[in-house]
Amino acid sequence: TLLGLVEQEFTREPTSSLAMLAATLQVKNGKLESADTWWSKAVDLSRSPEAVHAEIGRSQRELFLMDRAIASFIKARIANGEPHAYAIFILRTA
């Protein structure tokens, strides 16, 4: 399966991009808890918490996981430090 290939590649060379891809595939397989684990791995591997949380939020919004997407955009806002950062994303997702 595609997920199997992504997991195999992640084992060989872990990146936040592969972790995010694995999370997306897990959602499409109906495994939200597993997707959350993969998104956490993406955050752990990223050098930019703000950027990765924003990217996760966009991915979650595309997957219609609105509550998770809003939480991710809020985390990106906190990492940014600007109180109005990502407001448009949060409003469009709410």
PDB file of N, CA and C in Angstrom:
ATOM      1  N   THR A   1       0.840  -1.189   0.000  1.00  0.00           N
ATOM      2  CA  THR A   1       0.000   0.000   0.000  1.00  0.00           C
ATOM      3  C   THR A   1       0.881   1.247   0.000  1.00  0.00           C
ATOM      4  N   LEU A   2       0.250   2.358  -0.349  1.00  0.00           N
ATOM      5  CA  LEU A   2       0.981   3.623  -0.335  1.00  0.00           C
ATOM      6  C   LEU A   2       1.420   3.970   1.083  1.00  0.00           C
ATOM      7  N   LEU A   3       0.543   3.738   2.055  1.00  0.00           N
ATOM      8  CA  LEU A   3       0.908   4.009   3.442  1.00  0.00           C
ATOM      9  C   LEU A   3       2.110   3.172   3.861  1.00  0.00           C
ATOM     10  N   GLY A   4       2.132   1.923   3.467  1.00  0.00           N
ATOM     11  CA  GLY A   4       3.270   1.056   3.784  1.00  0.00           C
ATOM     12  C   GLY A   4       4.572   1.588   3.207  1.00  0.00           C
ATOM     13  N   LEU A   5       4.508   2.080   1.986  1.00  0.00           N
ATOM     14  CA  LEU A   5       5.706   2.653   1.359  1.00  0.00           C
ATOM     15  C   LEU A   5       6.163   3.916   2.086  1.00  0.00           C
ATOM     16  N   VAL A   6       5.209   4.747   2.483  1.00  0.00           N
ATOM     17  CA  VAL A   6       5.550   5.981   3.204  1.00  0.00           C
ATOM     18  C   VAL A   6       6.179   5.635   4.547  1.00  0.00           C
ATOM     19  N   GLU A   7       5.595   4.670   5.254  1.00  0.00           N
ATOM     20  CA  GLU A   7       6.151   4.254   6.549  1.00  0.00           C
ATOM     21  C   GLU A   7       7.552   3.673   6.386  1.00  0.00           C
ATOM     22  N   GLN A   8       7.763   2.905   5.352  1.00  0.00           N
ATOM     23  CA  GLN A   8       9.076   2.321   5.088  1.00  0.00           C
ATOM     24  C   GLN A   8      10.109   3.421   4.809  1.00  0.00           C
ATOM     25  N   GLU A   9       9.721   4.388   3.989  1.00  0.00           N
ATOM     26  CA  GLU A   9      10.627   5.498   3.682  1.00  0.00           C
ATOM     27  C   GLU A   9      10.896   6.332   4.934  1.00  0.00           C
ATOM     28  N   PHE A  10       9.871   6.516   5.761  1.00  0.00           N
ATOM     29  CA  PHE A  10      10.037   7.273   7.001  1.00  0.00           C
ATOM     30  C   PHE A  10      11.039   6.573   7.923  1.00  0.00           C
ATOM     31  N   THR A  11      10.991   5.259   7.981  1.00  0.00           N
ATOM     32  CA  THR A  11      11.936   4.496   8.801  1.00  0.00           C
ATOM     33  C   THR A  11      13.357   4.703   8.301  1.00  0.00           C
ATOM     34  N   ARG A  12      13.507   4.756   6.980  1.00  0.00           N
ATOM     35  CA  ARG A  12      14.823   4.946   6.379  1.00  0.00           C
ATOM     36  C   ARG A  12      15.336   6.368   6.594  1.00  0.00           C
ATOM     37  N   GLU A  13      14.466   7.356   6.375  1.00  0.00           N
ATOM     38  CA  GLU A  13      14.860   8.759   6.513  1.00  0.00           C
ATOM     39  C   GLU A  13      13.663   9.579   6.990  1.00  0.00           C
ATOM     40  N   PRO A  14      13.515   9.721   8.304  1.00  0.00           N
ATOM     41  CA  PRO A  14      12.345  10.432   8.836  1.00  0.00           C
ATOM     42  C   PRO A  14      12.376  11.932   8.528  1.00  0.00           C
ATOM     43  N   THR A  15      11.272  12.425   7.979  1.00  0.00           N
ATOM     44  CA  THR A  15      11.109  13.854   7.733  1.00  0.00           C
ATOM     45  C   THR A  15       9.700  14.256   8.153  1.00  0.00           C
ATOM     46  N   SER A  16       9.529  15.540   8.418  1.00  0.00           N
ATOM     47  CA  SER A  16       8.198  16.013   8.792  1.00  0.00           C
ATOM     48  C   SER A  16       7.226  15.875   7.616  1.00  0.00           C
ATOM     49  N   SER A  17       7.707  16.029   6.403  1.00  0.00           N
ATOM     50  CA  SER A  17       6.841  15.882   5.222  1.00  0.00           C
ATOM     51  C   SER A  17       6.289  14.473   5.100  1.00  0.00           C
ATOM     52  N   LEU A  18       7.149  13.479   5.324  1.00  0.00           N
ATOM     53  CA  LEU A  18       6.676  12.090   5.269  1.00  0.00           C
ATOM     54  C   LEU A  18       5.702  11.801   6.402  1.00  0.00           C
ATOM     55  N   ALA A  19       5.970  12.351   7.578  1.00  0.00           N
ATOM     56  CA  ALA A  19       5.060  12.148   8.707  1.00  0.00           C
ATOM     57  C   ALA A  19       3.697  12.764   8.402  1.00  0.00           C
ATOM     58  N   MET A  20       3.687  13.934   7.777  1.00  0.00           N
ATOM     59  CA  MET A  20       2.418  14.564   7.429  1.00  0.00           C
ATOM     60  C   MET A  20       1.675  13.775   6.356  1.00  0.00           C
ATOM     61  N   LEU A  21       2.408  13.224   5.405  1.00  0.00           N
ATOM     62  CA  LEU A  21       1.783  12.381   4.388  1.00  0.00           C
ATOM     63  C   LEU A  21       1.183  11.139   5.026  1.00  0.00           C
ATOM     64  N   ALA A  22       1.912  10.524   5.938  1.00  0.00           N
ATOM     65  CA  ALA A  22       1.395   9.344   6.634  1.00  0.00           C
ATOM     66  C   ALA A  22       0.139   9.698   7.429  1.00  0.00           C
ATOM     67  N   ALA A  23       0.123  10.859   8.059  1.00  0.00           N
ATOM     68  CA  ALA A  23      -1.056  11.298   8.813  1.00  0.00           C
ATOM     69  C   ALA A  23      -2.264  11.429   7.885  1.00  0.00           C
ATOM     70  N   THR A  24      -2.057  12.041   6.736  1.00  0.00           N
ATOM     71  CA  THR A  24      -3.148  12.202   5.769  1.00  0.00           C
ATOM     72  C   THR A  24      -3.687  10.853   5.321  1.00  0.00           C
ATOM     73  N   LEU A  25      -2.792   9.931   5.032  1.00  0.00           N
ATOM     74  CA  LEU A  25      -3.221   8.598   4.604  1.00  0.00           C
ATOM     75  C   LEU A  25      -3.955   7.863   5.725  1.00  0.00           C
ATOM     76  N   GLN A  26      -3.522   8.068   6.957  1.00  0.00           N
ATOM     77  CA  GLN A  26      -4.217   7.437   8.085  1.00  0.00           C
ATOM     78  C   GLN A  26      -5.638   7.975   8.208  1.00  0.00           C
ATOM     79  N   VAL A  27      -5.811   9.274   8.025  1.00  0.00           N
ATOM     80  CA  VAL A  27      -7.157   9.853   8.077  1.00  0.00           C
ATOM     81  C   VAL A  27      -8.026   9.236   6.998  1.00  0.00           C
ATOM     82  N   LYS A  28      -7.477   9.115   5.804  1.00  0.00           N
ATOM     83  CA  LYS A  28      -8.246   8.549   4.697  1.00  0.00           C
ATOM     84  C   LYS A  28      -8.593   7.081   4.940  1.00  0.00           C
ATOM     85  N   ASN A  29      -7.833   6.420   5.827  1.00  0.00           N
ATOM     86  CA  ASN A  29      -8.135   5.042   6.215  1.00  0.00           C
ATOM     87  C   ASN A  29      -9.013   4.989   7.466  1.00  0.00           C
ATOM     88  N   GLY A  30      -9.440   6.159   7.951  1.00  0.00           N
ATOM     89  CA  GLY A  30     -10.324   6.216   9.108  1.00  0.00           C
ATOM     90  C   GLY A  30      -9.640   6.047  10.446  1.00  0.00           C
ATOM     91  N   LYS A  31      -8.338   6.280  10.507  1.00  0.00           N
ATOM     92  CA  LYS A  31      -7.566   6.067  11.739  1.00  0.00           C
ATOM     93  C   LYS A  31      -7.067   7.409  12.277  1.00  0.00           C
ATOM     94  N   LEU A  32      -7.961   8.147  12.956  1.00  0.00           N
ATOM     95  CA  LEU A  32      -7.628   9.481  13.438  1.00  0.00           C
ATOM     96  C   LEU A  32      -6.571   9.475  14.531  1.00  0.00           C
ATOM     97  N   GLU A  33      -6.628   8.519  15.441  1.00  0.00           N
ATOM     98  CA  GLU A  33      -5.630   8.472  16.513  1.00  0.00           C
ATOM     99  C   GLU A  33      -4.237   8.248  15.949  1.00  0.00           C
ATOM    100  N   SER A  34      -4.135   7.390  14.972  1.00  0.00           N
ATOM    101  CA  SER A  34      -2.851   7.135  14.326  1.00  0.00           C
ATOM    102  C   SER A  34      -2.389   8.392  13.577  1.00  0.00           C
ATOM    103  N   ALA A  35      -3.322   9.099  12.957  1.00  0.00           N
ATOM    104  CA  ALA A  35      -2.973  10.346  12.268  1.00  0.00           C
ATOM    105  C   ALA A  35      -2.423  11.363  13.258  1.00  0.00           C
ATOM    106  N   ASP A  36      -3.042  11.467  14.427  1.00  0.00           N
ATOM    107  CA  ASP A  36      -2.551  12.393  15.451  1.00  0.00           C
ATOM    108  C   ASP A  36      -1.114  12.065  15.845  1.00  0.00           C
ATOM    109  N   THR A  37      -0.806  10.784  15.934  1.00  0.00           N
ATOM    110  CA  THR A  37       0.559  10.360  16.265  1.00  0.00           C
ATOM    111  C   THR A  37       1.535  10.810  15.179  1.00  0.00           C
ATOM    112  N   TRP A  38       1.138  10.661  13.924  1.00  0.00           N
ATOM    113  CA  TRP A  38       2.003  11.071  12.815  1.00  0.00           C
ATOM    114  C   TRP A  38       2.181  12.582  12.786  1.00  0.00           C
ATOM    115  N   TRP A  39       1.107  13.332  13.078  1.00  0.00           N
ATOM    116  CA  TRP A  39       1.251  14.788  13.111  1.00  0.00           C
ATOM    117  C   TRP A  39       2.195  15.203  14.233  1.00  0.00           C
ATOM    118  N   SER A  40       2.139  14.501  15.351  1.00  0.00           N
ATOM    119  CA  SER A  40       3.080  14.790  16.451  1.00  0.00           C
ATOM    120  C   SER A  40       4.523  14.536  16.019  1.00  0.00           C
ATOM    121  N   LYS A  41       4.723  13.477  15.250  1.00  0.00           N
ATOM    122  CA  LYS A  41       6.068  13.192  14.742  1.00  0.00           C
ATOM    123  C   LYS A  41       6.536  14.315  13.809  1.00  0.00           C
ATOM    124  N   ALA A  42       5.623  14.830  13.000  1.00  0.00           N
ATOM    125  CA  ALA A  42       5.975  15.926  12.095  1.00  0.00           C
ATOM    126  C   ALA A  42       6.431  17.144  12.888  1.00  0.00           C
ATOM    127  N   VAL A  43       5.738  17.441  13.970  1.00  0.00           N
ATOM    128  CA  VAL A  43       6.116  18.575  14.819  1.00  0.00           C
ATOM    129  C   VAL A  43       7.492  18.328  15.441  1.00  0.00           C
ATOM    130  N   ASP A  44       7.703  17.128  15.938  1.00  0.00           N
ATOM    131  CA  ASP A  44       8.979  16.791  16.578  1.00  0.00           C
ATOM    132  C   ASP A  44      10.157  16.925  15.616  1.00  0.00           C
ATOM    133  N   LEU A  45       9.937  16.614  14.348  1.00  0.00           N
ATOM    134  CA  LEU A  45      11.013  16.643  13.358  1.00  0.00           C
ATOM    135  C   LEU A  45      11.237  18.014  12.721  1.00  0.00           C
ATOM    136  N   SER A  46      10.291  18.904  12.902  1.00  0.00           N
ATOM    137  CA  SER A  46      10.371  20.205  12.228  1.00  0.00           C
ATOM    138  C   SER A  46      11.304  21.165  12.949  1.00  0.00           C
ATOM    139  N   ARG A  47      11.967  21.983  12.160  1.00  0.00           N
ATOM    140  CA  ARG A  47      12.820  23.038  12.718  1.00  0.00           C
ATOM    141  C   ARG A  47      12.020  24.310  12.969  1.00  0.00           C
ATOM    142  N   SER A  48      10.819  24.364  12.442  1.00  0.00           N
ATOM    143  CA  SER A  48       9.970  25.547  12.584  1.00  0.00           C
ATOM    144  C   SER A  48       8.589  25.143  13.087  1.00  0.00           C
ATOM    145  N   PRO A  49       8.376  25.203  14.399  1.00  0.00           N
ATOM    146  CA  PRO A  49       7.069  24.823  14.940  1.00  0.00           C
ATOM    147  C   PRO A  49       5.914  25.616  14.315  1.00  0.00           C
ATOM    148  N   GLU A  50       6.137  26.892  14.099  1.00  0.00           N
ATOM    149  CA  GLU A  50       5.073  27.707  13.502  1.00  0.00           C
ATOM    150  C   GLU A  50       4.681  27.174  12.124  1.00  0.00           C
ATOM    151  N   ALA A  51       5.669  26.953  11.267  1.00  0.00           N
ATOM    152  CA  ALA A  51       5.393  26.500   9.901  1.00  0.00           C
ATOM    153  C   ALA A  51       4.735  25.132   9.875  1.00  0.00           C
ATOM    154  N   VAL A  52       5.204  24.222  10.701  1.00  0.00           N
ATOM    155  CA  VAL A  52       4.642  22.873  10.663  1.00  0.00           C
ATOM    156  C   VAL A  52       3.217  22.857  11.216  1.00  0.00           C
ATOM    157  N   HIS A  53       2.946  23.625  12.258  1.00  0.00           N
ATOM    158  CA  HIS A  53       1.577  23.678  12.778  1.00  0.00           C
ATOM    159  C   HIS A  53       0.634  24.295  11.749  1.00  0.00           C
ATOM    160  N   ALA A  54       1.095  25.317  11.048  1.00  0.00           N
ATOM    161  CA  ALA A  54       0.272  25.923  10.001  1.00  0.00           C
ATOM    162  C   ALA A  54       0.012  24.934   8.867  1.00  0.00           C
ATOM    163  N   GLU A  55       1.026  24.205   8.465  1.00  0.00           N
ATOM    164  CA  GLU A  55       0.868  23.207   7.402  1.00  0.00           C
ATOM    165  C   GLU A  55      -0.068  22.084   7.842  1.00  0.00           C
ATOM    166  N   ILE A  56       0.072  21.652   9.083  1.00  0.00           N
ATOM    167  CA  ILE A  56      -0.829  20.626   9.615  1.00  0.00           C
ATOM    168  C   ILE A  56      -2.261  21.157   9.614  1.00  0.00           C
ATOM    169  N   GLY A  57      -2.435  22.399  10.029  1.00  0.00           N
ATOM    170  CA  GLY A  57      -3.772  22.998  10.030  1.00  0.00           C
ATOM    171  C   GLY A  57      -4.392  23.036   8.649  1.00  0.00           C
ATOM    172  N   ARG A  58      -3.600  23.407   7.650  1.00  0.00           N
ATOM    173  CA  ARG A  58      -4.114  23.423   6.275  1.00  0.00           C
ATOM    174  C   ARG A  58      -4.498  22.019   5.822  1.00  0.00           C
ATOM    175  N   SER A  59      -3.672  21.053   6.148  1.00  0.00           N
ATOM    176  CA  SER A  59      -3.969  19.665   5.790  1.00  0.00           C
ATOM    177  C   SER A  59      -5.245  19.183   6.480  1.00  0.00           C
ATOM    178  N   GLN A  60      -5.361  19.481   7.752  1.00  0.00           N
ATOM    179  CA  GLN A  60      -6.546  19.067   8.506  1.00  0.00           C
ATOM    180  C   GLN A  60      -7.803  19.744   7.961  1.00  0.00           C
ATOM    181  N   ARG A  61      -7.684  21.011   7.567  1.00  0.00           N
ATOM    182  CA  ARG A  61      -8.834  21.708   6.988  1.00  0.00           C
ATOM    183  C   ARG A  61      -9.260  21.037   5.686  1.00  0.00           C
ATOM    184  N   GLU A  62      -8.288  20.658   4.851  1.00  0.00           N
ATOM    185  CA  GLU A  62      -8.609  19.982   3.595  1.00  0.00           C
ATOM    186  C   GLU A  62      -9.271  18.630   3.833  1.00  0.00           C
ATOM    187  N   LEU A  63      -8.962  18.025   4.981  1.00  0.00           N
ATOM    188  CA  LEU A  63      -9.551  16.733   5.338  1.00  0.00           C
ATOM    189  C   LEU A  63     -10.859  16.896   6.129  1.00  0.00           C
ATOM    190  N   PHE A  64     -11.324  18.142   6.258  1.00  0.00           N
ATOM    191  CA  PHE A  64     -12.550  18.480   6.980  1.00  0.00           C
ATOM    192  C   PHE A  64     -12.498  18.123   8.459  1.00  0.00           C
ATOM    193  N   LEU A  65     -11.301  18.213   9.034  1.00  0.00           N
ATOM    194  CA  LEU A  65     -11.112  18.015  10.469  1.00  0.00           C
ATOM    195  C   LEU A  65     -11.001  19.397  11.103  1.00  0.00           C
ATOM    196  N   MET A  66     -12.099  20.115  11.105  1.00  0.00           N
ATOM    197  CA  MET A  66     -12.092  21.530  11.450  1.00  0.00           C
ATOM    198  C   MET A  66     -11.643  21.808  12.882  1.00  0.00           C
ATOM    199  N   ASP A  67     -12.074  20.997  13.835  1.00  0.00           N
ATOM    200  CA  ASP A  67     -11.657  21.229  15.223  1.00  0.00           C
ATOM    201  C   ASP A  67     -10.150  21.076  15.381  1.00  0.00           C
ATOM    202  N   ARG A  68      -9.592  20.068  14.740  1.00  0.00           N
ATOM    203  CA  ARG A  68      -8.143  19.868  14.793  1.00  0.00           C
ATOM    204  C   ARG A  68      -7.409  20.981  14.052  1.00  0.00           C
ATOM    205  N   ALA A  69      -7.965  21.406  12.921  1.00  0.00           N
ATOM    206  CA  ALA A  69      -7.328  22.462  12.133  1.00  0.00           C
ATOM    207  C   ALA A  69      -7.256  23.767  12.927  1.00  0.00           C
ATOM    208  N   ILE A  70      -8.347  24.130  13.579  1.00  0.00           N
ATOM    209  CA  ILE A  70      -8.343  25.355  14.386  1.00  0.00           C
ATOM    210  C   ILE A  70      -7.302  25.250  15.486  1.00  0.00           C
ATOM    211  N   ALA A  71      -7.222  24.101  16.156  1.00  0.00           N
ATOM    212  CA  ALA A  71      -6.220  23.905  17.216  1.00  0.00           C
ATOM    213  C   ALA A  71      -4.803  24.039  16.664  1.00  0.00           C
ATOM    214  N   SER A  72      -4.566  23.527  15.469  1.00  0.00           N
ATOM    215  CA  SER A  72      -3.233  23.632  14.861  1.00  0.00           C
ATOM    216  C   SER A  72      -2.898  25.075  14.497  1.00  0.00           C
ATOM    217  N   PHE A  73      -3.870  25.814  13.959  1.00  0.00           N
ATOM    218  CA  PHE A  73      -3.624  27.220  13.641  1.00  0.00           C
ATOM    219  C   PHE A  73      -3.360  28.039  14.910  1.00  0.00           C
ATOM    220  N   ILE A  74      -4.042  27.692  15.985  1.00  0.00           N
ATOM    221  CA  ILE A  74      -3.787  28.383  17.258  1.00  0.00           C
ATOM    222  C   ILE A  74      -2.369  28.086  17.747  1.00  0.00           C
ATOM    223  N   LYS A  75      -1.914  26.858  17.597  1.00  0.00           N
ATOM    224  CA  LYS A  75      -0.534  26.520  17.969  1.00  0.00           C
ATOM    225  C   LYS A  75       0.461  27.294  17.106  1.00  0.00           C
ATOM    226  N   ALA A  76       0.155  27.446  15.812  1.00  0.00           N
ATOM    227  CA  ALA A  76       1.022  28.234  14.926  1.00  0.00           C
ATOM    228  C   ALA A  76       1.040  29.692  15.382  1.00  0.00           C
ATOM    229  N   ARG A  77      -0.121  30.205  15.784  1.00  0.00           N
ATOM    230  CA  ARG A  77      -0.205  31.582  16.271  1.00  0.00           C
ATOM    231  C   ARG A  77       0.643  31.761  17.524  1.00  0.00           C
ATOM    232  N   ILE A  78       0.561  30.815  18.450  1.00  0.00           N
ATOM    233  CA  ILE A  78       1.348  30.886  19.682  1.00  0.00           C
ATOM    234  C   ILE A  78       2.839  30.873  19.360  1.00  0.00           C
ATOM    235  N   ALA A  79       3.243  30.007  18.439  1.00  0.00           N
ATOM    236  CA  ALA A  79       4.655  29.939  18.052  1.00  0.00           C
ATOM    237  C   ALA A  79       5.106  31.241  17.396  1.00  0.00           C
ATOM    238  N   ASN A  80       4.202  31.889  16.671  1.00  0.00           N
ATOM    239  CA  ASN A  80       4.509  33.145  15.998  1.00  0.00           C
ATOM    240  C   ASN A  80       4.628  34.294  16.993  1.00  0.00           C
ATOM    241  N   GLY A  81       3.793  34.300  18.011  1.00  0.00           N
ATOM    242  CA  GLY A  81       3.828  35.346  19.018  1.00  0.00           C
ATOM    243  C   GLY A  81       2.957  36.550  18.710  1.00  0.00           C
ATOM    244  N   GLU A  82       2.436  36.635  17.516  1.00  0.00           N
ATOM    245  CA  GLU A  82       1.568  37.746  17.114  1.00  0.00           C
ATOM    246  C   GLU A  82       0.112  37.346  17.382  1.00  0.00           C
ATOM    247  N   PRO A  83      -0.634  38.141  18.159  1.00  0.00           N
ATOM    248  CA  PRO A  83      -1.981  37.734  18.540  1.00  0.00           C
ATOM    249  C   PRO A  83      -2.973  37.591  17.386  1.00  0.00           C
ATOM    250  N   HIS A  84      -2.697  38.216  16.246  1.00  0.00           N
ATOM    251  CA  HIS A  84      -3.622  38.128  15.120  1.00  0.00           C
ATOM    252  C   HIS A  84      -3.127  37.198  14.010  1.00  0.00           C
ATOM    253  N   ALA A  85      -1.985  36.584  14.221  1.00  0.00           N
ATOM    254  CA  ALA A  85      -1.455  35.672  13.203  1.00  0.00           C
ATOM    255  C   ALA A  85      -2.426  34.512  12.991  1.00  0.00           C
ATOM    256  N   TYR A  86      -2.610  34.144  11.763  1.00  0.00           N
ATOM    257  CA  TYR A  86      -3.450  33.016  11.351  1.00  0.00           C
ATOM    258  C   TYR A  86      -4.934  33.239  11.618  1.00  0.00           C
ATOM    259  N   ALA A  87      -5.329  34.469  11.937  1.00  0.00           N
ATOM    260  CA  ALA A  87      -6.737  34.750  12.209  1.00  0.00           C
ATOM    261  C   ALA A  87      -7.619  34.396  11.005  1.00  0.00           C
ATOM    262  N   ILE A  88      -7.143  34.721   9.806  1.00  0.00           N
ATOM    263  CA  ILE A  88      -7.945  34.441   8.612  1.00  0.00           C
ATOM    264  C   ILE A  88      -8.161  32.941   8.424  1.00  0.00           C
ATOM    265  N   PHE A  89      -7.135  32.154   8.724  1.00  0.00           N
ATOM    266  CA  PHE A  89      -7.275  30.701   8.608  1.00  0.00           C
ATOM    267  C   PHE A  89      -8.272  30.171   9.634  1.00  0.00           C
ATOM    268  N   ILE A  90      -8.181  30.712  10.847  1.00  0.00           N
ATOM    269  CA  ILE A  90      -9.095  30.275  11.908  1.00  0.00           C
ATOM    270  C   ILE A  90     -10.523  30.642  11.552  1.00  0.00           C
ATOM    271  N   LEU A  91     -10.733  31.866  11.069  1.00  0.00           N
ATOM    272  CA  LEU A  91     -12.086  32.296  10.703  1.00  0.00           C
ATOM    273  C   LEU A  91     -12.644  31.484   9.541  1.00  0.00           C
ATOM    274  N   ARG A  92     -11.817  31.195   8.566  1.00  0.00           N
ATOM    275  CA  ARG A  92     -12.297  30.421   7.408  1.00  0.00           C
ATOM    276  C   ARG A  92     -12.585  28.973   7.775  1.00  0.00           C
ATOM    277  N   THR A  93     -11.964  28.501   8.838  1.00  0.00           N
ATOM    278  CA  THR A  93     -12.132  27.106   9.237  1.00  0.00           C
ATOM    279  C   THR A  93     -13.302  26.932  10.193  1.00  0.00           C
ATOM    280  N   ALA A  94     -13.615  27.973  10.939  1.00  0.00           N
ATOM    281  CA  ALA A  94     -14.669  27.885  11.960  1.00  0.00           C
ATOM    282  C   ALA A  94     -16.036  27.676  11.342  1.00  0.00           C
TER     283      ALA A  94
END
